[in-house]
Each structure stands twice: as C-alpha cells, then as structure tokens.
C-alpha atoms as a PDB file:
ATOM      1  CA  MET A   1      -0.059   0.226   0.356  1.00  0.00           C
ATOM      2  CA  THR A   2       1.301   3.651  -0.786  1.00  0.00           C
ATOM      3  CA  GLY A   3       2.064   5.756   2.114  1.00  0.00           C
ATOM      4  CA  GLU A   4       2.676   2.637   4.439  1.00  0.00           C
ATOM      5  CA  ILE A   5       4.832   3.161   7.282  1.00  0.00           C
ATOM      6  CA  LEU A   6       7.345   0.586   7.907  1.00  0.00           C
ATOM      7  CA  LEU A   7       8.335  -0.092  11.280  1.00  0.00           C
ATOM      8  CA  ASP A   8      12.065  -1.078  11.874  1.00  0.00           C
ATOM      9  CA  GLU A   9      12.924  -5.090  12.512  1.00  0.00           C
ATOM     10  CA  ARG A  10      13.640  -4.199  16.340  1.00  0.00           C
ATOM     11  CA  THR A  11      10.444  -2.402  16.762  1.00  0.00           C
ATOM     12  CA  GLU A  12       8.408  -4.800  14.839  1.00  0.00           C
ATOM     13  CA  LYS A  13       9.286  -7.429  16.859  1.00  0.00           C
ATOM     14  CA  MET A  14       8.256  -5.432  20.194  1.00  0.00           C
ATOM     15  CA  VAL A  15       4.787  -4.869  18.613  1.00  0.00           C
ATOM     16  CA  PRO A  16       2.727  -8.077  19.539  1.00  0.00           C
ATOM     17  CA  GLU A  17       1.115  -9.881  16.930  1.00  0.00           C
ATOM     18  CA  ASP A  18      -2.409  -9.005  17.290  1.00  0.00           C
ATOM     19  CA  GLU A  19      -1.462  -5.482  17.555  1.00  0.00           C
ATOM     20  CA  ARG A  20       0.345  -5.786  14.337  1.00  0.00           C
ATOM     21  CA  GLY A  21      -2.650  -7.269  12.943  1.00  0.00           C
ATOM     22  CA  LEU A  22      -4.864  -4.162  14.445  1.00  0.00           C
ATOM     23  CA  LEU A  23      -2.390  -1.728  13.223  1.00  0.00           C
ATOM     24  CA  ARG A  24      -2.707  -3.566   9.444  1.00  0.00           C
ATOM     25  CA  ASP A  25      -6.669  -3.498   9.872  1.00  0.00           C
ATOM     26  CA  LEU A  26      -6.453   0.069  10.471  1.00  0.00           C
ATOM     27  CA  GLU A  27      -4.201   0.743   7.720  1.00  0.00           C
ATOM     28  CA  GLU A  28      -6.576  -1.229   5.164  1.00  0.00           C
ATOM     29  CA  LYS A  29      -9.635   1.272   6.441  1.00  0.00           C
ATOM     30  CA  ILE A  30      -7.552   4.155   5.878  1.00  0.00           C
ATOM     31  CA  GLY A  31      -7.017   3.200   2.544  1.00  0.00           C
ATOM     32  CA  HIS A  32     -10.520   2.237   1.436  1.00  0.00           C
ATOM     33  CA  LEU A  33     -12.014   5.788   3.376  1.00  0.00           C
ATOM     34  CA  LEU A  34      -9.667   7.567   1.572  1.00  0.00           C
ATOM     35  CA  VAL A  35     -10.329   5.871  -2.014  1.00  0.00           C
ATOM     36  CA  LYS A  36     -13.812   6.125  -1.198  1.00  0.00           C
ATOM     37  CA  TYR A  37     -13.313  10.077  -0.214  1.00  0.00           C
ATOM     38  CA  GLN A  38     -11.614  10.565  -3.629  1.00  0.00           C
ATOM     39  CA  GLU A  39     -14.363   8.963  -5.409  1.00  0.00           C
ATOM     40  CA  LEU A  40     -16.996  10.937  -3.879  1.00  0.00           C
ATOM     41  CA  LYS A  41     -15.151  14.306  -4.515  1.00  0.00           C
ATOM     42  CA  ASN A  42     -14.884  13.522  -8.118  1.00  0.00           C
ATOM     43  CA  GLU A  43     -18.427  12.542  -8.038  1.00  0.00           C
ATOM     44  CA  ARG A  44     -19.381  15.926  -6.347  1.00  0.00           C
ATOM     45  CA  ASP A  45     -17.048  17.773  -9.019  1.00  0.00           C
ATOM     46  CA  GLU A  46     -19.055  15.791 -11.774  1.00  0.00           C
ATOM     47  CA  LEU A  47     -22.357  17.033 -10.356  1.00  0.00           C
ATOM     48  CA  ALA A  48     -21.407  20.440  -9.932  1.00  0.00           C
ATOM     49  CA  ILE A  49     -20.511  20.903 -13.564  1.00  0.00           C
ATOM     50  CA  ALA A  50     -23.754  18.981 -14.705  1.00  0.00           C
ATOM     51  CA  LEU A  51     -25.834  21.159 -12.405  1.00  0.00           C
ATOM     52  CA  ASP A  52     -24.052  24.413 -14.047  1.00  0.00           C
ATOM     53  CA  VAL A  53     -25.415  23.051 -17.614  1.00  0.00           C
ATOM     54  CA  GLU A  54     -28.437  22.625 -16.167  1.00  0.00           C
ATOM     55  CA  ASN A  55     -28.696  26.156 -14.739  1.00  0.00           C
ATOM     56  CA  GLU A  56     -27.527  27.526 -18.183  1.00  0.00           C
ATOM     57  CA  GLU A  57     -30.172  25.454 -19.772  1.00  0.00           C
ATOM     58  CA  MET A  58     -32.770  27.110 -17.575  1.00  0.00           C
ATOM     59  CA  ILE A  59     -31.448  30.486 -17.992  1.00  0.00           C
ATOM     60  CA  ARG A  60     -31.902  29.939 -21.889  1.00  0.00           C
ATOM     61  CA  LEU A  61     -35.237  28.513 -21.661  1.00  0.00           C
ATOM     62  CA  GLU A  62     -36.762  30.922 -19.290  1.00  0.00           C
ATOM     63  CA  LYS A  63     -35.272  34.092 -21.922  1.00  0.00           C
ATOM     64  CA  LYS A  64     -36.741  31.924 -24.597  1.00  0.00           C
ATOM     65  CA  LEU A  65     -40.069  31.651 -22.584  1.00  0.00           C
ATOM     66  CA  GLU A  66     -39.870  35.759 -21.773  1.00  0.00           C
ATOM     67  CA  LEU A  67     -39.603  36.330 -25.612  1.00  0.00           C
ATOM     68  CA  LEU A  68     -42.600  34.105 -26.450  1.00  0.00           C
ATOM     69  CA  SER A  69     -44.755  35.647 -23.943  1.00  0.00           C
ATOM     70  CA  GLN A  70     -43.705  38.942 -25.597  1.00  0.00           C
ATOM     71  CA  ASP A  71     -44.503  37.510 -29.233  1.00  0.00           C
ATOM     72  CA  ARG A  72     -47.667  36.569 -27.752  1.00  0.00           C
ATOM     73  CA  GLU A  73     -48.681  39.862 -26.156  1.00  0.00           C
ATOM     74  CA  LYS A  74     -47.937  41.735 -29.524  1.00  0.00           C
ATOM     75  CA  VAL A  75     -49.935  39.002 -31.150  1.00  0.00           C
ATOM     76  CA  LYS A  76     -52.835  39.749 -28.927  1.00  0.00           C
ATOM     77  CA  THR A  77     -52.873  43.476 -29.295  1.00  0.00           C
ATOM     78  CA  ARG A  78     -52.786  43.461 -33.112  1.00  0.00           C
ATOM     79  CA  ILE A  79     -55.854  41.175 -32.990  1.00  0.00           C
ATOM     80  CA  ASP A  80     -57.689  43.684 -30.338  1.00  0.00           C
ATOM     81  CA  HIS A  81     -56.896  46.356 -33.032  1.00  0.00           C
ATOM     82  CA  LEU A  82     -58.202  44.413 -35.359  1.00  0.00           C
ATOM     83  CA  LEU A  83     -61.485  43.857 -33.709  1.00  0.00           C
ATOM     84  CA  HIS A  84     -61.857  47.045 -32.835  1.00  0.00           C
ATOM     85  CA  ARG A  85     -61.265  48.482 -35.896  1.00  0.00           C
ATOM     86  CA  LEU A  86     -63.931  46.174 -37.342  1.00  0.00           C
ATOM     87  CA  LYS A  87     -66.434  47.062 -34.855  1.00  0.00           C
ATOM     88  CA  GLY A  88     -66.112  50.691 -36.089  1.00  0.00           C
ATOM     89  CA  VAL A  89     -66.910  49.669 -39.175  1.00  0.00           C
ATOM     90  CA  GLY A  90     -69.899  47.962 -38.414  1.00  0.00           C
ATOM     91  CA  ILE A  91     -69.800  44.350 -38.767  1.00  0.00           C
END
C-alpha cells in the first residue's frame, strides 16, 4: 500500500502480533476510506458541472419563454386592434 509506514525489525518484534494485525486492519480501513473519499469528491465535482449545465439551460429556456410571452402580447394587441377596427366598420 502506498504511504505505508514500516517499522524497523527491532520495533516490529516489540509490537505483539495481535496489535500488528490491528494496525494493518486500521491501515486498510483508512486506505479504503481515502479511496471512497476521492470517489465521492470526483462525483461531487461531476455533479457540480452537470448542475452548471442545467442552470445554463434553465436560463436559456427562461429567456425563450420571456420572448414568446412578449410575442404573444404583441399578437394579442394586434388582434384587439383589428377587432376594434371591425367594430368601427359596423360588422
């Protein structure tokens, strides 16, 4: 495992076998946690990018909706004007 701290032989012999096993287990668990942390960090970054893309799309669609609403109002005004003209003619 990268980043593993090795004890010299003398110190290794002084540590009981069951404690060495516990240390090995702890190192493995920490290693797994660090890998999972990096995976979650990468996933978070990917989700942040996807969120930015979706926000840009939402802004684009809101602008399009605003333009369509303005066009609708223009058409409504023209129709009202034409109906008013028709009433003036007496039809």
